[in-house]
Amino acid sequence: MTHHLDGNVLAGALSEVFASDVTAARGRCAGCGQTSPIAEAMVYTDAPGLVARCAGCDQVLATLVDAGDRVILSLAGLTAVELRR
């Protein structure tokens, strides 16, 4: 049987990832496959949060909602995010 750990084992690795400037990261759009820096996305602010869309095909890449005591982040429109160390 394969041994597994719970998600807490990700804490160190994820804290390293989310401590960097994510706008410099390159993201791959799930819609058209274009890979480009997150900073090149088209961001709309007239929603209940921020909506980032692909500059190539207008696919929603990410949403970020500030809900006061928490932040809700979806990266559902990205198939990959590449961060430089």
PDB file of N, CA and C in Angstrom:
ATOM      1  N   MET A   1       0.838  -1.176   0.000  1.00  0.00           N
ATOM      2  CA  MET A   1       0.000   0.000   0.000  1.00  0.00           C
ATOM      3  C   MET A   1       0.888   1.247   0.000  1.00  0.00           C
ATOM      4  N   THR A   2       0.507   2.246  -0.774  1.00  0.00           N
ATOM      5  CA  THR A   2       1.252   3.498  -0.846  1.00  0.00           C
ATOM      6  C   THR A   2       0.930   4.364   0.362  1.00  0.00           C
ATOM      7  N   HIS A   3       1.978   4.881   0.991  1.00  0.00           N
ATOM      8  CA  HIS A   3       1.813   5.747   2.153  1.00  0.00           C
ATOM      9  C   HIS A   3       1.616   7.181   1.675  1.00  0.00           C
ATOM     10  N   HIS A   4       0.718   7.898   2.306  1.00  0.00           N
ATOM     11  CA  HIS A   4       0.511   9.303   1.959  1.00  0.00           C
ATOM     12  C   HIS A   4       0.499  10.160   3.216  1.00  0.00           C
ATOM     13  N   LEU A   5       0.748  11.452   3.013  1.00  0.00           N
ATOM     14  CA  LEU A   5       0.680  12.437   4.088  1.00  0.00           C
ATOM     15  C   LEU A   5      -0.490  13.363   3.803  1.00  0.00           C
ATOM     16  N   ASP A   6      -0.891  14.144   4.789  1.00  0.00           N
ATOM     17  CA  ASP A   6      -1.970  15.106   4.519  1.00  0.00           C
ATOM     18  C   ASP A   6      -1.400  16.382   3.895  1.00  0.00           C
ATOM     19  N   GLY A   7      -2.289  17.292   3.510  1.00  0.00           N
ATOM     20  CA  GLY A   7      -1.899  18.510   2.807  1.00  0.00           C
ATOM     21  C   GLY A   7      -0.991  19.443   3.577  1.00  0.00           C
ATOM     22  N   ASN A   8      -0.860  19.261   4.879  1.00  0.00           N
ATOM     23  CA  ASN A   8       0.027  20.106   5.672  1.00  0.00           C
ATOM     24  C   ASN A   8       1.479  20.006   5.234  1.00  0.00           C
ATOM     25  N   VAL A   9       1.851  18.920   4.587  1.00  0.00           N
ATOM     26  CA  VAL A   9       3.219  18.758   4.126  1.00  0.00           C
ATOM     27  C   VAL A   9       3.570  19.772   3.021  1.00  0.00           C
ATOM     28  N   LEU A  10       2.555  20.372   2.415  1.00  0.00           N
ATOM     29  CA  LEU A  10       2.761  21.374   1.363  1.00  0.00           C
ATOM     30  C   LEU A  10       3.099  22.762   1.902  1.00  0.00           C
ATOM     31  N   ALA A  11       2.953  22.983   3.189  1.00  0.00           N
ATOM     32  CA  ALA A  11       3.103  24.321   3.777  1.00  0.00           C
ATOM     33  C   ALA A  11       4.416  24.998   3.404  1.00  0.00           C
ATOM     34  N   GLY A  12       5.508  24.333   3.557  1.00  0.00           N
ATOM     35  CA  GLY A  12       6.810  24.940   3.258  1.00  0.00           C
ATOM     36  C   GLY A  12       6.965  25.282   1.790  1.00  0.00           C
ATOM     37  N   ALA A  13       6.642  24.336   0.922  1.00  0.00           N
ATOM     38  CA  ALA A  13       6.790  24.562  -0.517  1.00  0.00           C
ATOM     39  C   ALA A  13       5.858  25.662  -1.016  1.00  0.00           C
ATOM     40  N   LEU A  14       4.624  25.667  -0.543  1.00  0.00           N
ATOM     41  CA  LEU A  14       3.678  26.691  -0.990  1.00  0.00           C
ATOM     42  C   LEU A  14       4.017  28.073  -0.441  1.00  0.00           C
ATOM     43  N   SER A  15       4.572  28.152   0.758  1.00  0.00           N
ATOM     44  CA  SER A  15       4.948  29.456   1.299  1.00  0.00           C
ATOM     45  C   SER A  15       6.081  30.059   0.476  1.00  0.00           C
ATOM     46  N   GLU A  16       6.928  29.228  -0.080  1.00  0.00           N
ATOM     47  CA  GLU A  16       8.000  29.701  -0.959  1.00  0.00           C
ATOM     48  C   GLU A  16       7.416  30.235  -2.266  1.00  0.00           C
ATOM     49  N   VAL A  17       6.429  29.545  -2.802  1.00  0.00           N
ATOM     50  CA  VAL A  17       5.799  29.938  -4.067  1.00  0.00           C
ATOM     51  C   VAL A  17       5.012  31.227  -3.907  1.00  0.00           C
ATOM     52  N   PHE A  18       4.174  31.331  -2.883  1.00  0.00           N
ATOM     53  CA  PHE A  18       3.302  32.479  -2.742  1.00  0.00           C
ATOM     54  C   PHE A  18       3.982  33.693  -2.130  1.00  0.00           C
ATOM     55  N   ALA A  19       5.245  33.589  -1.774  1.00  0.00           N
ATOM     56  CA  ALA A  19       5.979  34.732  -1.234  1.00  0.00           C
ATOM     57  C   ALA A  19       6.610  35.566  -2.349  1.00  0.00           C
ATOM     58  N   SER A  20       6.579  35.090  -3.586  1.00  0.00           N
ATOM     59  CA  SER A  20       7.205  35.815  -4.689  1.00  0.00           C
ATOM     60  C   SER A  20       6.189  36.668  -5.444  1.00  0.00           C
ATOM     61  N   ASP A  21       6.681  37.514  -6.342  1.00  0.00           N
ATOM     62  CA  ASP A  21       5.825  38.355  -7.173  1.00  0.00           C
ATOM     63  C   ASP A  21       5.204  37.488  -8.262  1.00  0.00           C
ATOM     64  N   VAL A  22       3.954  37.125  -8.086  1.00  0.00           N
ATOM     65  CA  VAL A  22       3.289  36.208  -9.007  1.00  0.00           C
ATOM     66  C   VAL A  22       3.018  36.855 -10.358  1.00  0.00           C
ATOM     67  N   THR A  23       2.987  38.189 -10.444  1.00  0.00           N
ATOM     68  CA  THR A  23       2.762  38.825 -11.743  1.00  0.00           C
ATOM     69  C   THR A  23       3.932  38.577 -12.696  1.00  0.00           C
ATOM     70  N   ALA A  24       5.090  38.249 -12.170  1.00  0.00           N
ATOM     71  CA  ALA A  24       6.244  37.925 -13.005  1.00  0.00           C
ATOM     72  C   ALA A  24       6.207  36.471 -13.480  1.00  0.00           C
ATOM     73  N   ALA A  25       5.353  35.671 -12.866  1.00  0.00           N
ATOM     74  CA  ALA A  25       5.228  34.259 -13.253  1.00  0.00           C
ATOM     75  C   ALA A  25       4.612  34.151 -14.640  1.00  0.00           C
ATOM     76  N   ARG A  26       4.878  33.044 -15.303  1.00  0.00           N
ATOM     77  CA  ARG A  26       4.271  32.763 -16.598  1.00  0.00           C
ATOM     78  C   ARG A  26       3.147  31.767 -16.377  1.00  0.00           C
ATOM     79  N   GLY A  27       2.005  32.045 -16.994  1.00  0.00           N
ATOM     80  CA  GLY A  27       0.855  31.169 -16.858  1.00  0.00           C
ATOM     81  C   GLY A  27       0.424  30.645 -18.215  1.00  0.00           C
ATOM     82  N   ARG A  28      -0.072  29.403 -18.245  1.00  0.00           N
ATOM     83  CA  ARG A  28      -0.572  28.804 -19.489  1.00  0.00           C
ATOM     84  C   ARG A  28      -2.091  28.775 -19.445  1.00  0.00           C
ATOM     85  N   CYS A  29      -2.710  29.415 -20.445  1.00  0.00           N
ATOM     86  CA  CYS A  29      -4.164  29.520 -20.530  1.00  0.00           C
ATOM     87  C   CYS A  29      -4.777  28.161 -20.848  1.00  0.00           C
ATOM     88  N   ALA A  30      -5.803  27.796 -20.110  1.00  0.00           N
ATOM     89  CA  ALA A  30      -6.512  26.537 -20.351  1.00  0.00           C
ATOM     90  C   ALA A  30      -7.334  26.603 -21.634  1.00  0.00           C
ATOM     91  N   GLY A  31      -7.665  27.813 -22.096  1.00  0.00           N
ATOM     92  CA  GLY A  31      -8.480  27.956 -23.296  1.00  0.00           C
ATOM     93  C   GLY A  31      -7.691  27.805 -24.582  1.00  0.00           C
ATOM     94  N   CYS A  32      -6.634  28.617 -24.746  1.00  0.00           N
ATOM     95  CA  CYS A  32      -5.895  28.640 -26.011  1.00  0.00           C
ATOM     96  C   CYS A  32      -4.478  28.091 -25.908  1.00  0.00           C
ATOM     97  N   GLY A  33      -3.992  27.862 -24.698  1.00  0.00           N
ATOM     98  CA  GLY A  33      -2.649  27.316 -24.514  1.00  0.00           C
ATOM     99  C   GLY A  33      -1.539  28.354 -24.534  1.00  0.00           C
ATOM    100  N   GLN A  34      -1.880  29.620 -24.712  1.00  0.00           N
ATOM    101  CA  GLN A  34      -0.862  30.677 -24.736  1.00  0.00           C
ATOM    102  C   GLN A  34      -0.181  30.750 -23.380  1.00  0.00           C
ATOM    103  N   THR A  35       1.138  30.858 -23.393  1.00  0.00           N
ATOM    104  CA  THR A  35       1.909  31.027 -22.168  1.00  0.00           C
ATOM    105  C   THR A  35       2.515  32.418 -22.176  1.00  0.00           C
ATOM    106  N   SER A  36       2.232  33.188 -21.134  1.00  0.00           N
ATOM    107  CA  SER A  36       2.743  34.552 -21.049  1.00  0.00           C
ATOM    108  C   SER A  36       2.784  34.979 -19.586  1.00  0.00           C
ATOM    109  N   PRO A  37       3.524  36.067 -19.290  1.00  0.00           N
ATOM    110  CA  PRO A  37       3.555  36.554 -17.912  1.00  0.00           C
ATOM    111  C   PRO A  37       2.155  36.931 -17.431  1.00  0.00           C
ATOM    112  N   ILE A  38       1.878  36.668 -16.177  1.00  0.00           N
ATOM    113  CA  ILE A  38       0.586  37.014 -15.583  1.00  0.00           C
ATOM    114  C   ILE A  38       0.332  38.518 -15.725  1.00  0.00           C
ATOM    115  N   ALA A  39       1.398  39.318 -15.698  1.00  0.00           N
ATOM    116  CA  ALA A  39       1.268  40.770 -15.813  1.00  0.00           C
ATOM    117  C   ALA A  39       0.660  41.196 -17.155  1.00  0.00           C
ATOM    118  N   GLU A  40       0.685  40.337 -18.164  1.00  0.00           N
ATOM    119  CA  GLU A  40       0.114  40.669 -19.471  1.00  0.00           C
ATOM    120  C   GLU A  40      -1.375  40.345 -19.578  1.00  0.00           C
ATOM    121  N   ALA A  41      -1.946  39.755 -18.544  1.00  0.00           N
ATOM    122  CA  ALA A  41      -3.383  39.445 -18.557  1.00  0.00           C
ATOM    123  C   ALA A  41      -4.185  40.743 -18.551  1.00  0.00           C
ATOM    124  N   MET A  42      -5.392  40.675 -19.064  1.00  0.00           N
ATOM    125  CA  MET A  42      -6.320  41.806 -19.006  1.00  0.00           C
ATOM    126  C   MET A  42      -7.124  41.653 -17.718  1.00  0.00           C
ATOM    127  N   VAL A  43      -7.042  42.630 -16.819  1.00  0.00           N
ATOM    128  CA  VAL A  43      -7.684  42.525 -15.516  1.00  0.00           C
ATOM    129  C   VAL A  43      -8.854  43.508 -15.441  1.00  0.00           C
ATOM    130  N   TYR A  44      -9.993  42.973 -15.070  1.00  0.00           N
ATOM    131  CA  TYR A  44     -11.205  43.766 -14.942  1.00  0.00           C
ATOM    132  C   TYR A  44     -11.527  43.925 -13.463  1.00  0.00           C
ATOM    133  N   THR A  45     -11.851  45.144 -13.082  1.00  0.00           N
ATOM    134  CA  THR A  45     -12.098  45.451 -11.667  1.00  0.00           C
ATOM    135  C   THR A  45     -13.558  45.782 -11.379  1.00  0.00           C
ATOM    136  N   ASP A  46     -14.423  45.713 -12.384  1.00  0.00           N
ATOM    137  CA  ASP A  46     -15.822  46.085 -12.182  1.00  0.00           C
ATOM    138  C   ASP A  46     -16.701  44.897 -11.809  1.00  0.00           C
ATOM    139  N   ALA A  47     -16.108  43.926 -11.155  1.00  0.00           N
ATOM    140  CA  ALA A  47     -16.821  42.750 -10.650  1.00  0.00           C
ATOM    141  C   ALA A  47     -16.699  42.774  -9.124  1.00  0.00           C
ATOM    142  N   PRO A  48     -17.268  41.802  -8.443  1.00  0.00           N
ATOM    143  CA  PRO A  48     -17.107  41.758  -6.984  1.00  0.00           C
ATOM    144  C   PRO A  48     -15.657  41.538  -6.534  1.00  0.00           C
ATOM    145  N   GLY A  49     -14.767  41.305  -7.468  1.00  0.00           N
ATOM    146  CA  GLY A  49     -13.350  41.124  -7.190  1.00  0.00           C
ATOM    147  C   GLY A  49     -12.572  41.463  -8.437  1.00  0.00           C
ATOM    148  N   LEU A  50     -11.399  40.882  -8.574  1.00  0.00           N
ATOM    149  CA  LEU A  50     -10.571  41.068  -9.760  1.00  0.00           C
ATOM    150  C   LEU A  50     -10.733  39.858 -10.665  1.00  0.00           C
ATOM    151  N   VAL A  51     -10.871  40.098 -11.961  1.00  0.00           N
ATOM    152  CA  VAL A  51     -10.996  39.018 -12.938  1.00  0.00           C
ATOM    153  C   VAL A  51      -9.890  39.196 -13.965  1.00  0.00           C
ATOM    154  N   ALA A  52      -8.994  38.216 -14.061  1.00  0.00           N
ATOM    155  CA  ALA A  52      -7.900  38.255 -15.030  1.00  0.00           C
ATOM    156  C   ALA A  52      -8.256  37.370 -16.218  1.00  0.00           C
ATOM    157  N   ARG A  53      -8.173  37.954 -17.421  1.00  0.00           N
ATOM    158  CA  ARG A  53      -8.505  37.226 -18.653  1.00  0.00           C
ATOM    159  C   ARG A  53      -7.288  37.140 -19.553  1.00  0.00           C
ATOM    160  N   CYS A  54      -7.235  36.088 -20.343  1.00  0.00           N
ATOM    161  CA  CYS A  54      -6.150  35.856 -21.287  1.00  0.00           C
ATOM    162  C   CYS A  54      -6.176  36.937 -22.372  1.00  0.00           C
ATOM    163  N   ALA A  55      -5.033  37.523 -22.662  1.00  0.00           N
ATOM    164  CA  ALA A  55      -4.933  38.538 -23.713  1.00  0.00           C
ATOM    165  C   ALA A  55      -5.110  37.919 -25.096  1.00  0.00           C
ATOM    166  N   GLY A  56      -4.931  36.600 -25.207  1.00  0.00           N
ATOM    167  CA  GLY A  56      -5.052  35.929 -26.488  1.00  0.00           C
ATOM    168  C   GLY A  56      -6.470  35.513 -26.851  1.00  0.00           C
ATOM    169  N   CYS A  57      -7.231  35.007 -25.865  1.00  0.00           N
ATOM    170  CA  CYS A  57      -8.556  34.443 -26.191  1.00  0.00           C
ATOM    171  C   CYS A  57      -9.672  34.917 -25.266  1.00  0.00           C
ATOM    172  N   ASP A  58      -9.376  35.741 -24.274  1.00  0.00           N
ATOM    173  CA  ASP A  58     -10.357  36.295 -23.340  1.00  0.00           C
ATOM    174  C   ASP A  58     -10.872  35.289 -22.308  1.00  0.00           C
ATOM    175  N   GLN A  59     -10.282  34.103 -22.235  1.00  0.00           N
ATOM    176  CA  GLN A  59     -10.627  33.100 -21.222  1.00  0.00           C
ATOM    177  C   GLN A  59     -10.332  33.652 -19.832  1.00  0.00           C
ATOM    178  N   VAL A  60     -11.211  33.402 -18.863  1.00  0.00           N
ATOM    179  CA  VAL A  60     -10.928  33.792 -17.481  1.00  0.00           C
ATOM    180  C   VAL A  60      -9.789  32.919 -16.970  1.00  0.00           C
ATOM    181  N   LEU A  61      -8.701  33.566 -16.567  1.00  0.00           N
ATOM    182  CA  LEU A  61      -7.543  32.853 -16.028  1.00  0.00           C
ATOM    183  C   LEU A  61      -7.635  32.720 -14.517  1.00  0.00           C
ATOM    184  N   ALA A  62      -7.984  33.812 -13.868  1.00  0.00           N
ATOM    185  CA  ALA A  62      -7.974  33.842 -12.405  1.00  0.00           C
ATOM    186  C   ALA A  62      -8.993  34.846 -11.896  1.00  0.00           C
ATOM    187  N   THR A  63      -9.504  34.572 -10.702  1.00  0.00           N
ATOM    188  CA  THR A  63     -10.340  35.539  -9.993  1.00  0.00           C
ATOM    189  C   THR A  63      -9.815  35.660  -8.571  1.00  0.00           C
ATOM    190  N   LEU A  64      -9.921  36.864  -8.037  1.00  0.00           N
ATOM    191  CA  LEU A  64      -9.479  37.114  -6.676  1.00  0.00           C
ATOM    192  C   LEU A  64     -10.516  38.008  -6.011  1.00  0.00           C
ATOM    193  N   VAL A  65     -11.083  37.520  -4.932  1.00  0.00           N
ATOM    194  CA  VAL A  65     -12.117  38.259  -4.209  1.00  0.00           C
ATOM    195  C   VAL A  65     -11.639  38.505  -2.780  1.00  0.00           C
ATOM    196  N   ASP A  66     -11.651  39.766  -2.372  1.00  0.00           N
ATOM    197  CA  ASP A  66     -11.326  40.132  -0.998  1.00  0.00           C
ATOM    198  C   ASP A  66     -12.631  40.097  -0.213  1.00  0.00           C
ATOM    199  N   ALA A  67     -12.749  39.124   0.664  1.00  0.00           N
ATOM    200  CA  ALA A  67     -13.976  38.940   1.438  1.00  0.00           C
ATOM    201  C   ALA A  67     -13.790  39.376   2.886  1.00  0.00           C
ATOM    202  N   GLY A  68     -12.982  40.393   3.091  1.00  0.00           N
ATOM    203  CA  GLY A  68     -12.772  40.914   4.446  1.00  0.00           C
ATOM    204  C   GLY A  68     -11.797  40.092   5.251  1.00  0.00           C
ATOM    205  N   ASP A  69     -12.281  39.077   5.931  1.00  0.00           N
ATOM    206  CA  ASP A  69     -11.422  38.261   6.779  1.00  0.00           C
ATOM    207  C   ASP A  69     -10.764  37.108   6.033  1.00  0.00           C
ATOM    208  N   ARG A  70     -11.010  37.022   4.719  1.00  0.00           N
ATOM    209  CA  ARG A  70     -10.376  35.972   3.919  1.00  0.00           C
ATOM    210  C   ARG A  70     -10.267  36.442   2.472  1.00  0.00           C
ATOM    211  N   VAL A  71      -9.444  35.775   1.700  1.00  0.00           N
ATOM    212  CA  VAL A  71      -9.276  36.045   0.275  1.00  0.00           C
ATOM    213  C   VAL A  71      -9.607  34.761  -0.467  1.00  0.00           C
ATOM    214  N   ILE A  72     -10.402  34.889  -1.523  1.00  0.00           N
ATOM    215  CA  ILE A  72     -10.782  33.724  -2.316  1.00  0.00           C
ATOM    216  C   ILE A  72     -10.093  33.842  -3.672  1.00  0.00           C
ATOM    217  N   LEU A  73      -9.252  32.886  -3.989  1.00  0.00           N
ATOM    218  CA  LEU A  73      -8.457  32.887  -5.210  1.00  0.00           C
ATOM    219  C   LEU A  73      -8.780  31.664  -6.036  1.00  0.00           C
ATOM    220  N   SER A  74      -9.083  31.874  -7.310  1.00  0.00           N
ATOM    221  CA  SER A  74      -9.269  30.764  -8.242  1.00  0.00           C
ATOM    222  C   SER A  74      -8.304  30.936  -9.399  1.00  0.00           C
ATOM    223  N   LEU A  75      -7.578  29.892  -9.716  1.00  0.00           N
ATOM    224  CA  LEU A  75      -6.673  29.869 -10.862  1.00  0.00           C
ATOM    225  C   LEU A  75      -7.163  28.836 -11.862  1.00  0.00           C
ATOM    226  N   ALA A  76      -8.473  28.615 -11.903  1.00  0.00           N
ATOM    227  CA  ALA A  76      -9.072  27.547 -12.697  1.00  0.00           C
ATOM    228  C   ALA A  76      -8.792  27.664 -14.192  1.00  0.00           C
ATOM    229  N   GLY A  77      -8.549  28.868 -14.700  1.00  0.00           N
ATOM    230  CA  GLY A  77      -8.297  29.045 -16.127  1.00  0.00           C
ATOM    231  C   GLY A  77      -6.849  28.868 -16.531  1.00  0.00           C
ATOM    232  N   LEU A  78      -6.007  28.498 -15.586  1.00  0.00           N
ATOM    233  CA  LEU A  78      -4.588  28.265 -15.870  1.00  0.00           C
ATOM    234  C   LEU A  78      -4.275  26.777 -15.728  1.00  0.00           C
ATOM    235  N   THR A  79      -3.612  26.229 -16.714  1.00  0.00           N
ATOM    236  CA  THR A  79      -3.210  24.824 -16.596  1.00  0.00           C
ATOM    237  C   THR A  79      -1.849  24.685 -15.939  1.00  0.00           C
ATOM    238  N   ALA A  80      -1.080  25.779 -15.895  1.00  0.00           N
ATOM    239  CA  ALA A  80       0.233  25.754 -15.241  1.00  0.00           C
ATOM    240  C   ALA A  80       0.654  27.176 -14.896  1.00  0.00           C
ATOM    241  N   VAL A  81       1.441  27.304 -13.845  1.00  0.00           N
ATOM    242  CA  VAL A  81       2.049  28.575 -13.465  1.00  0.00           C
ATOM    243  C   VAL A  81       3.528  28.291 -13.232  1.00  0.00           C
ATOM    244  N   GLU A  82       4.401  29.030 -13.926  1.00  0.00           N
ATOM    245  CA  GLU A  82       5.842  28.838 -13.804  1.00  0.00           C
ATOM    246  C   GLU A  82       6.431  30.041 -13.083  1.00  0.00           C
ATOM    247  N   LEU A  83       7.068  29.785 -11.945  1.00  0.00           N
ATOM    248  CA  LEU A  83       7.695  30.829 -11.140  1.00  0.00           C
ATOM    249  C   LEU A  83       9.214  30.652 -11.179  1.00  0.00           C
ATOM    250  N   ARG A  84       9.928  31.741 -11.314  1.00  0.00           N
ATOM    251  CA  ARG A  84      11.399  31.708 -11.249  1.00  0.00           C
ATOM    252  C   ARG A  84      11.834  31.838  -9.799  1.00  0.00           C
ATOM    253  N   ARG A  85      12.900  31.145  -9.445  1.00  0.00           N
ATOM    254  CA  ARG A  85      13.450  31.253  -8.096  1.00  0.00           C
ATOM    255  C   ARG A  85      14.430  32.385  -8.025  1.00  0.00           C
TER     256      ARG A  85
END
